[in-house]
């Protein structure tokens, strides 16, 4: 027979504690944290949505860091002259 007193504390994590686990990089989560997270998401729609939104933000930040914009000298000069004329 399964001893619920040993298992129950792991299954009843608060949303606050689960949101801290969600914020951890998925590759750095322990198996225990991953189990707690997956179980909690089954019973809590808000945390499920929070992880979905967190993943979207993480993906958009990681892709925006990969892209670099290089301006030509002409564009730089045009921006500088526009700024100078606007702040006289």
PDB file of N, CA and C in Angstrom:
ATOM      1  N   UNK A   1       0.841  -1.187   0.000  1.00  0.00           N
ATOM      2  CA  UNK A   1       0.000   0.000   0.000  1.00  0.00           C
ATOM      3  C   UNK A   1       0.882   1.246   0.000  1.00  0.00           C
ATOM      4  N   UNK A   2       0.474   2.232  -0.746  1.00  0.00           N
ATOM      5  CA  UNK A   2       1.236   3.476  -0.857  1.00  0.00           C
ATOM      6  C   UNK A   2       0.993   4.326   0.383  1.00  0.00           C
ATOM      7  N   UNK A   3       2.073   4.836   0.945  1.00  0.00           N
ATOM      8  CA  UNK A   3       1.974   5.702   2.107  1.00  0.00           C
ATOM      9  C   UNK A   3       1.757   7.136   1.630  1.00  0.00           C
ATOM     10  N   UNK A   4       0.526   7.636   1.761  1.00  0.00           N
ATOM     11  CA  UNK A   4       0.188   8.965   1.271  1.00  0.00           C
ATOM     12  C   UNK A   4       0.879  10.075   2.047  1.00  0.00           C
ATOM     13  N   UNK A   5       1.252   9.824   3.283  1.00  0.00           N
ATOM     14  CA  UNK A   5       1.930  10.858   4.068  1.00  0.00           C
ATOM     15  C   UNK A   5       3.290  11.215   3.471  1.00  0.00           C
ATOM     16  N   UNK A   6       3.905  10.279   2.790  1.00  0.00           N
ATOM     17  CA  UNK A   6       5.192  10.560   2.155  1.00  0.00           C
ATOM     18  C   UNK A   6       5.010  11.270   0.818  1.00  0.00           C
ATOM     19  N   UNK A   7       3.955  10.947   0.114  1.00  0.00           N
ATOM     20  CA  UNK A   7       3.748  11.481  -1.231  1.00  0.00           C
ATOM     21  C   UNK A   7       3.021  12.824  -1.219  1.00  0.00           C
ATOM     22  N   UNK A   8       2.074  12.999  -0.319  1.00  0.00           N
ATOM     23  CA  UNK A   8       1.209  14.171  -0.333  1.00  0.00           C
ATOM     24  C   UNK A   8       1.946  15.510  -0.294  1.00  0.00           C
ATOM     25  N   UNK A   9       2.985  15.687   0.514  1.00  0.00           N
ATOM     26  CA  UNK A   9       3.668  16.993   0.502  1.00  0.00           C
ATOM     27  C   UNK A   9       4.228  17.372  -0.866  1.00  0.00           C
ATOM     28  N   UNK A  10       4.608  16.388  -1.666  1.00  0.00           N
ATOM     29  CA  UNK A  10       5.133  16.675  -2.998  1.00  0.00           C
ATOM     30  C   UNK A  10       4.024  17.065  -3.967  1.00  0.00           C
ATOM     31  N   UNK A  11       2.844  16.564  -3.735  1.00  0.00           N
ATOM     32  CA  UNK A  11       1.743  16.812  -4.654  1.00  0.00           C
ATOM     33  C   UNK A  11       0.995  18.098  -4.352  1.00  0.00           C
ATOM     34  N   UNK A  12       1.187  18.637  -3.176  1.00  0.00           N
ATOM     35  CA  UNK A  12       0.431  19.817  -2.766  1.00  0.00           C
ATOM     36  C   UNK A  12       1.288  21.076  -2.729  1.00  0.00           C
ATOM     37  N   UNK A  13       2.153  21.253  -3.690  1.00  0.00           N
ATOM     38  CA  UNK A  13       2.951  22.469  -3.765  1.00  0.00           C
ATOM     39  C   UNK A  13       2.036  23.642  -4.106  1.00  0.00           C
ATOM     40  N   UNK A  14       2.332  24.800  -3.546  1.00  0.00           N
ATOM     41  CA  UNK A  14       1.546  25.991  -3.847  1.00  0.00           C
ATOM     42  C   UNK A  14       1.915  26.525  -5.226  1.00  0.00           C
ATOM     43  N   UNK A  15       1.048  27.347  -5.760  1.00  0.00           N
ATOM     44  CA  UNK A  15       1.319  27.946  -7.067  1.00  0.00           C
ATOM     45  C   UNK A  15       2.577  28.812  -7.009  1.00  0.00           C
ATOM     46  N   UNK A  16       2.820  29.433  -5.870  1.00  0.00           N
ATOM     47  CA  UNK A  16       4.016  30.267  -5.714  1.00  0.00           C
ATOM     48  C   UNK A  16       5.281  29.425  -5.870  1.00  0.00           C
ATOM     49  N   UNK A  17       5.306  28.267  -5.239  1.00  0.00           N
ATOM     50  CA  UNK A  17       6.472  27.385  -5.341  1.00  0.00           C
ATOM     51  C   UNK A  17       6.604  26.805  -6.744  1.00  0.00           C
ATOM     52  N   UNK A  18       5.488  26.492  -7.363  1.00  0.00           N
ATOM     53  CA  UNK A  18       5.523  25.935  -8.716  1.00  0.00           C
ATOM     54  C   UNK A  18       5.981  26.995  -9.716  1.00  0.00           C
ATOM     55  N   UNK A  19       5.579  28.244  -9.525  1.00  0.00           N
ATOM     56  CA  UNK A  19       6.032  29.296 -10.443  1.00  0.00           C
ATOM     57  C   UNK A  19       7.540  29.492 -10.346  1.00  0.00           C
ATOM     58  N   UNK A  20       8.110  29.262  -9.168  1.00  0.00           N
ATOM     59  CA  UNK A  20       9.572  29.318  -9.029  1.00  0.00           C
ATOM     60  C   UNK A  20      10.222  28.174  -9.809  1.00  0.00           C
ATOM     61  N   UNK A  21       9.607  27.016  -9.797  1.00  0.00           N
ATOM     62  CA  UNK A  21      10.129  25.873 -10.564  1.00  0.00           C
ATOM     63  C   UNK A  21      10.015  26.151 -12.062  1.00  0.00           C
ATOM     64  N   UNK A  22       8.917  26.770 -12.472  1.00  0.00           N
ATOM     65  CA  UNK A  22       8.726  27.090 -13.887  1.00  0.00           C
ATOM     66  C   UNK A  22       9.819  28.043 -14.367  1.00  0.00           C
ATOM     67  N   UNK A  23      10.231  28.958 -13.503  1.00  0.00           N
ATOM     68  CA  UNK A  23      11.239  29.948 -13.883  1.00  0.00           C
ATOM     69  C   UNK A  23      12.633  29.357 -14.045  1.00  0.00           C
ATOM     70  N   UNK A  24      12.844  28.167 -13.524  1.00  0.00           N
ATOM     71  CA  UNK A  24      14.141  27.504 -13.666  1.00  0.00           C
ATOM     72  C   UNK A  24      14.279  26.994 -15.097  1.00  0.00           C
ATOM     73  N   UNK A  25      15.480  27.072 -15.625  1.00  0.00           N
ATOM     74  CA  UNK A  25      15.762  26.534 -16.959  1.00  0.00           C
ATOM     75  C   UNK A  25      15.386  25.049 -16.975  1.00  0.00           C
ATOM     76  N   UNK A  26      14.600  24.599 -17.953  1.00  0.00           N
ATOM     77  CA  UNK A  26      14.157  23.191 -17.975  1.00  0.00           C
ATOM     78  C   UNK A  26      15.292  22.170 -17.905  1.00  0.00           C
ATOM     79  N   UNK A  27      16.432  22.490 -18.455  1.00  0.00           N
ATOM     80  CA  UNK A  27      17.548  21.537 -18.406  1.00  0.00           C
ATOM     81  C   UNK A  27      18.187  21.473 -17.020  1.00  0.00           C
ATOM     82  N   UNK A  28      17.903  22.464 -16.167  1.00  0.00           N
ATOM     83  CA  UNK A  28      18.473  22.494 -14.823  1.00  0.00           C
ATOM     84  C   UNK A  28      17.517  21.963 -13.753  1.00  0.00           C
ATOM     85  N   UNK A  29      16.286  21.614 -14.135  1.00  0.00           N
ATOM     86  CA  UNK A  29      15.320  21.084 -13.168  1.00  0.00           C
ATOM     87  C   UNK A  29      15.679  19.656 -12.796  1.00  0.00           C
ATOM     88  N   UNK A  30      15.453  19.338 -11.518  1.00  0.00           N
ATOM     89  CA  UNK A  30      15.661  17.961 -11.086  1.00  0.00           C
ATOM     90  C   UNK A  30      14.449  17.131 -11.499  1.00  0.00           C
ATOM     91  N   UNK A  31      14.582  15.826 -11.419  1.00  0.00           N
ATOM     92  CA  UNK A  31      13.447  14.951 -11.753  1.00  0.00           C
ATOM     93  C   UNK A  31      12.295  15.183 -10.783  1.00  0.00           C
ATOM     94  N   UNK A  32      12.624  15.439  -9.529  1.00  0.00           N
ATOM     95  CA  UNK A  32      11.603  15.716  -8.526  1.00  0.00           C
ATOM     96  C   UNK A  32      10.846  16.995  -8.889  1.00  0.00           C
ATOM     97  N   UNK A  33      11.568  18.047  -9.257  1.00  0.00           N
ATOM     98  CA  UNK A  33      10.921  19.301  -9.640  1.00  0.00           C
ATOM     99  C   UNK A  33      10.070  19.118 -10.891  1.00  0.00           C
ATOM    100  N   UNK A  34      10.564  18.354 -11.830  1.00  0.00           N
ATOM    101  CA  UNK A  34       9.808  18.107 -13.061  1.00  0.00           C
ATOM    102  C   UNK A  34       8.515  17.345 -12.763  1.00  0.00           C
ATOM    103  N   UNK A  35       8.593  16.358 -11.877  1.00  0.00           N
ATOM    104  CA  UNK A  35       7.401  15.591 -11.497  1.00  0.00           C
ATOM    105  C   UNK A  35       6.389  16.491 -10.798  1.00  0.00           C
ATOM    106  N   UNK A  36       6.860  17.301  -9.856  1.00  0.00           N
ATOM    107  CA  UNK A  36       5.973  18.217  -9.128  1.00  0.00           C
ATOM    108  C   UNK A  36       5.293  19.172 -10.102  1.00  0.00           C
ATOM    109  N   UNK A  37       6.068  19.696 -11.021  1.00  0.00           N
ATOM    110  CA  UNK A  37       5.538  20.642 -12.002  1.00  0.00           C
ATOM    111  C   UNK A  37       4.467  19.999 -12.877  1.00  0.00           C
ATOM    112  N   UNK A  38       4.756  18.837 -13.415  1.00  0.00           N
ATOM    113  CA  UNK A  38       3.796  18.178 -14.309  1.00  0.00           C
ATOM    114  C   UNK A  38       2.515  17.798 -13.566  1.00  0.00           C
ATOM    115  N   UNK A  39       2.652  17.297 -12.345  1.00  0.00           N
ATOM    116  CA  UNK A  39       1.458  16.930 -11.581  1.00  0.00           C
ATOM    117  C   UNK A  39       0.632  18.172 -11.259  1.00  0.00           C
ATOM    118  N   UNK A  40       1.294  19.234 -10.821  1.00  0.00           N
ATOM    119  CA  UNK A  40       0.579  20.451 -10.442  1.00  0.00           C
ATOM    120  C   UNK A  40      -0.151  21.054 -11.649  1.00  0.00           C
ATOM    121  N   UNK A  41       0.485  21.002 -12.818  1.00  0.00           N
ATOM    122  CA  UNK A  41      -0.155  21.551 -14.020  1.00  0.00           C
ATOM    123  C   UNK A  41      -1.406  20.772 -14.408  1.00  0.00           C
ATOM    124  N   UNK A  42      -1.466  19.504 -14.031  1.00  0.00           N
ATOM    125  CA  UNK A  42      -2.669  18.717 -14.321  1.00  0.00           C
ATOM    126  C   UNK A  42      -3.876  19.221 -13.542  1.00  0.00           C
ATOM    127  N   UNK A  43      -3.632  19.735 -12.340  1.00  0.00           N
ATOM    128  CA  UNK A  43      -4.749  20.159 -11.501  1.00  0.00           C
ATOM    129  C   UNK A  43      -4.919  21.674 -11.448  1.00  0.00           C
ATOM    130  N   UNK A  44      -3.965  22.425 -12.011  1.00  0.00           N
ATOM    131  CA  UNK A  44      -4.020  23.886 -11.919  1.00  0.00           C
ATOM    132  C   UNK A  44      -3.867  24.503 -13.309  1.00  0.00           C
ATOM    133  N   UNK A  45      -4.948  24.993 -13.843  1.00  0.00           N
ATOM    134  CA  UNK A  45      -4.936  25.596 -15.182  1.00  0.00           C
ATOM    135  C   UNK A  45      -4.124  26.893 -15.203  1.00  0.00           C
ATOM    136  N   UNK A  46      -4.144  27.643 -14.107  1.00  0.00           N
ATOM    137  CA  UNK A  46      -3.411  28.914 -14.063  1.00  0.00           C
ATOM    138  C   UNK A  46      -1.906  28.688 -14.212  1.00  0.00           C
ATOM    139  N   UNK A  47      -1.373  27.690 -13.535  1.00  0.00           N
ATOM    140  CA  UNK A  47       0.058  27.399 -13.640  1.00  0.00           C
ATOM    141  C   UNK A  47       0.399  26.827 -15.014  1.00  0.00           C
ATOM    142  N   UNK A  48      -0.519  26.070 -15.584  1.00  0.00           N
ATOM    143  CA  UNK A  48      -0.323  25.558 -16.939  1.00  0.00           C
ATOM    144  C   UNK A  48      -0.201  26.730 -17.918  1.00  0.00           C
ATOM    145  N   UNK A  49      -1.101  27.702 -17.789  1.00  0.00           N
ATOM    146  CA  UNK A  49      -1.063  28.882 -18.654  1.00  0.00           C
ATOM    147  C   UNK A  49       0.184  29.721 -18.391  1.00  0.00           C
ATOM    148  N   UNK A  50       0.576  29.828 -17.117  1.00  0.00           N
ATOM    149  CA  UNK A  50       1.777  30.594 -16.765  1.00  0.00           C
ATOM    150  C   UNK A  50       3.013  29.994 -17.433  1.00  0.00           C
ATOM    151  N   UNK A  51       3.130  28.685 -17.431  1.00  0.00           N
ATOM    152  CA  UNK A  51       4.285  28.065 -18.074  1.00  0.00           C
ATOM    153  C   UNK A  51       4.249  28.293 -19.581  1.00  0.00           C
ATOM    154  N   UNK A  52       3.081  28.214 -20.170  1.00  0.00           N
ATOM    155  CA  UNK A  52       2.944  28.453 -21.608  1.00  0.00           C
ATOM    156  C   UNK A  52       3.401  29.874 -21.953  1.00  0.00           C
ATOM    157  N   UNK A  53       2.935  30.854 -21.176  1.00  0.00           N
ATOM    158  CA  UNK A  53       3.318  32.240 -21.416  1.00  0.00           C
ATOM    159  C   UNK A  53       4.805  32.460 -21.152  1.00  0.00           C
ATOM    160  N   UNK A  54       5.334  31.831 -20.117  1.00  0.00           N
ATOM    161  CA  UNK A  54       6.751  31.948 -19.796  1.00  0.00           C
ATOM    162  C   UNK A  54       7.606  31.382 -20.928  1.00  0.00           C
ATOM    163  N   UNK A  55       7.174  30.270 -21.501  1.00  0.00           N
ATOM    164  CA  UNK A  55       7.905  29.676 -22.627  1.00  0.00           C
ATOM    165  C   UNK A  55       7.903  30.601 -23.844  1.00  0.00           C
ATOM    166  N   UNK A  56       6.778  31.252 -24.104  1.00  0.00           N
ATOM    167  CA  UNK A  56       6.701  32.189 -25.227  1.00  0.00           C
ATOM    168  C   UNK A  56       7.673  33.346 -25.019  1.00  0.00           C
ATOM    169  N   UNK A  57       7.703  33.893 -23.811  1.00  0.00           N
ATOM    170  CA  UNK A  57       8.607  35.007 -23.512  1.00  0.00           C
ATOM    171  C   UNK A  57      10.059  34.573 -23.643  1.00  0.00           C
ATOM    172  N   UNK A  58      10.396  33.415 -23.097  1.00  0.00           N
ATOM    173  CA  UNK A  58      11.771  32.914 -23.185  1.00  0.00           C
ATOM    174  C   UNK A  58      12.194  32.711 -24.637  1.00  0.00           C
ATOM    175  N   UNK A  59      11.307  32.138 -25.446  1.00  0.00           N
ATOM    176  CA  UNK A  59      11.632  31.910 -26.859  1.00  0.00           C
ATOM    177  C   UNK A  59      11.822  33.219 -27.613  1.00  0.00           C
ATOM    178  N   UNK A  60      10.962  34.200 -27.341  1.00  0.00           N
ATOM    179  CA  UNK A  60      11.091  35.471 -28.055  1.00  0.00           C
ATOM    180  C   UNK A  60      12.345  36.219 -27.627  1.00  0.00           C
ATOM    181  N   UNK A  61      12.714  36.126 -26.355  1.00  0.00           N
ATOM    182  CA  UNK A  61      13.942  36.782 -25.900  1.00  0.00           C
ATOM    183  C   UNK A  61      15.179  36.106 -26.464  1.00  0.00           C
ATOM    184  N   UNK A  62      15.162  34.801 -26.546  1.00  0.00           N
ATOM    185  CA  UNK A  62      16.344  34.101 -27.050  1.00  0.00           C
ATOM    186  C   UNK A  62      16.525  34.340 -28.547  1.00  0.00           C
ATOM    187  N   UNK A  63      15.439  34.430 -29.299  1.00  0.00           N
ATOM    188  CA  UNK A  63      15.585  34.685 -30.734  1.00  0.00           C
ATOM    189  C   UNK A  63      15.954  36.134 -31.006  1.00  0.00           C
ATOM    190  N   UNK A  64      15.486  37.066 -30.177  1.00  0.00           N
ATOM    191  CA  UNK A  64      15.831  38.470 -30.409  1.00  0.00           C
ATOM    192  C   UNK A  64      17.298  38.728 -30.083  1.00  0.00           C
ATOM    193  N   UNK A  65      17.886  37.963 -29.183  1.00  0.00           N
ATOM    194  CA  UNK A  65      19.298  38.125 -28.860  1.00  0.00           C
ATOM    195  C   UNK A  65      20.195  37.602 -29.972  1.00  0.00           C
ATOM    196  N   UNK A  66      19.702  36.686 -30.767  1.00  0.00           N
ATOM    197  CA  UNK A  66      20.503  36.103 -31.833  1.00  0.00           C
ATOM    198  C   UNK A  66      20.611  37.033 -33.037  1.00  0.00           C
ATOM    199  N   UNK A  67      19.617  37.876 -33.221  1.00  0.00           N
ATOM    200  CA  UNK A  67      19.607  38.766 -34.370  1.00  0.00           C
ATOM    201  C   UNK A  67      20.338  40.061 -34.032  1.00  0.00           C
ATOM    202  N   UNK A  68      21.248  40.469 -34.876  1.00  0.00           N
ATOM    203  CA  UNK A  68      21.929  41.744 -34.697  1.00  0.00           C
ATOM    204  C   UNK A  68      21.673  42.601 -35.921  1.00  0.00           C
ATOM    205  N   UNK A  69      21.475  43.860 -35.674  1.00  0.00           N
ATOM    206  CA  UNK A  69      21.210  44.789 -36.752  1.00  0.00           C
ATOM    207  C   UNK A  69      22.468  45.604 -37.014  1.00  0.00           C
ATOM    208  N   UNK A  70      22.864  45.646 -38.256  1.00  0.00           N
ATOM    209  CA  UNK A  70      24.034  46.423 -38.645  1.00  0.00           C
ATOM    210  C   UNK A  70      23.558  47.538 -39.559  1.00  0.00           C
ATOM    211  N   UNK A  71      23.879  48.774 -39.157  1.00  0.00           N
ATOM    212  CA  UNK A  71      23.490  49.923 -39.956  1.00  0.00           C
ATOM    213  C   UNK A  71      24.672  50.394 -40.790  1.00  0.00           C
ATOM    214  N   UNK A  72      24.354  50.855 -41.972  1.00  0.00           N
ATOM    215  CA  UNK A  72      25.406  51.431 -42.807  1.00  0.00           C
ATOM    216  C   UNK A  72      25.778  52.802 -42.245  1.00  0.00           C
ATOM    217  N   UNK A  73      26.916  53.313 -42.659  1.00  0.00           N
ATOM    218  CA  UNK A  73      27.367  54.629 -42.188  1.00  0.00           C
ATOM    219  C   UNK A  73      26.392  55.720 -42.612  1.00  0.00           C
ATOM    220  N   UNK A  74      25.776  55.573 -43.780  1.00  0.00           N
ATOM    221  CA  UNK A  74      24.801  56.559 -44.256  1.00  0.00           C
ATOM    222  C   UNK A  74      23.578  56.604 -43.345  1.00  0.00           C
ATOM    223  N   UNK A  75      23.098  55.435 -42.951  1.00  0.00           N
ATOM    224  CA  UNK A  75      21.928  55.365 -42.057  1.00  0.00           C
ATOM    225  C   UNK A  75      22.264  55.970 -40.690  1.00  0.00           C
ATOM    226  N   UNK A  76      23.454  55.652 -40.181  1.00  0.00           N
ATOM    227  CA  UNK A  76      23.875  56.212 -38.893  1.00  0.00           C
ATOM    228  C   UNK A  76      23.922  57.733 -38.960  1.00  0.00           C
ATOM    229  N   UNK A  77      24.492  58.264 -40.033  1.00  0.00           N
ATOM    230  CA  UNK A  77      24.587  59.717 -40.193  1.00  0.00           C
ATOM    231  C   UNK A  77      23.198  60.342 -40.297  1.00  0.00           C
ATOM    232  N   UNK A  78      22.276  59.675 -40.993  1.00  0.00           N
ATOM    233  CA  UNK A  78      20.912  60.191 -41.124  1.00  0.00           C
ATOM    234  C   UNK A  78      20.205  60.216 -39.772  1.00  0.00           C
ATOM    235  N   UNK A  79      20.389  59.196 -38.979  1.00  0.00           N
ATOM    236  CA  UNK A  79      19.771  59.147 -37.644  1.00  0.00           C
ATOM    237  C   UNK A  79      20.345  60.245 -36.764  1.00  0.00           C
ATOM    238  N   UNK A  80      21.663  60.421 -36.801  1.00  0.00           N
ATOM    239  CA  UNK A  80      22.311  61.444 -35.975  1.00  0.00           C
ATOM    240  C   UNK A  80      21.839  62.835 -36.380  1.00  0.00           C
ATOM    241  N   UNK A  81      21.750  63.094 -37.672  1.00  0.00           N
ATOM    242  CA  UNK A  81      21.298  64.420 -38.115  1.00  0.00           C
ATOM    243  C   UNK A  81      19.835  64.658 -37.745  1.00  0.00           C
ATOM    244  N   UNK A  82      19.010  63.630 -37.810  1.00  0.00           N
ATOM    245  CA  UNK A  82      17.603  63.763 -37.407  1.00  0.00           C
ATOM    246  C   UNK A  82      17.498  64.061 -35.920  1.00  0.00           C
ATOM    247  N   UNK A  83      18.283  63.376 -35.122  1.00  0.00           N
ATOM    248  CA  UNK A  83      18.268  63.618 -33.680  1.00  0.00           C
ATOM    249  C   UNK A  83      18.756  65.025 -33.353  1.00  0.00           C
ATOM    250  N   UNK A  84      19.815  65.451 -34.020  1.00  0.00           N
ATOM    251  CA  UNK A  84      20.350  66.798 -33.769  1.00  0.00           C
ATOM    252  C   UNK A  84      19.334  67.864 -34.151  1.00  0.00           C
ATOM    253  N   UNK A  85      18.647  67.686 -35.262  1.00  0.00           N
ATOM    254  CA  UNK A  85      17.665  68.689 -35.697  1.00  0.00           C
ATOM    255  C   UNK A  85      16.438  68.704 -34.783  1.00  0.00           C
ATOM    256  N   UNK A  86      16.090  67.578 -34.201  1.00  0.00           N
ATOM    257  CA  UNK A  86      14.928  67.520 -33.306  1.00  0.00           C
ATOM    258  C   UNK A  86      15.222  68.066 -31.917  1.00  0.00           C
ATOM    259  N   UNK A  87      16.475  68.103 -31.514  1.00  0.00           N
ATOM    260  CA  UNK A  87      16.817  68.539 -30.159  1.00  0.00           C
ATOM    261  C   UNK A  87      17.515  69.891 -30.129  1.00  0.00           C
ATOM    262  N   UNK A  88      17.298  70.742 -31.127  1.00  0.00           N
ATOM    263  CA  UNK A  88      17.880  72.096 -31.133  1.00  0.00           C
ATOM    264  C   UNK A  88      17.062  73.030 -30.301  1.00  0.00           C
TER     265      UNK A  88
END
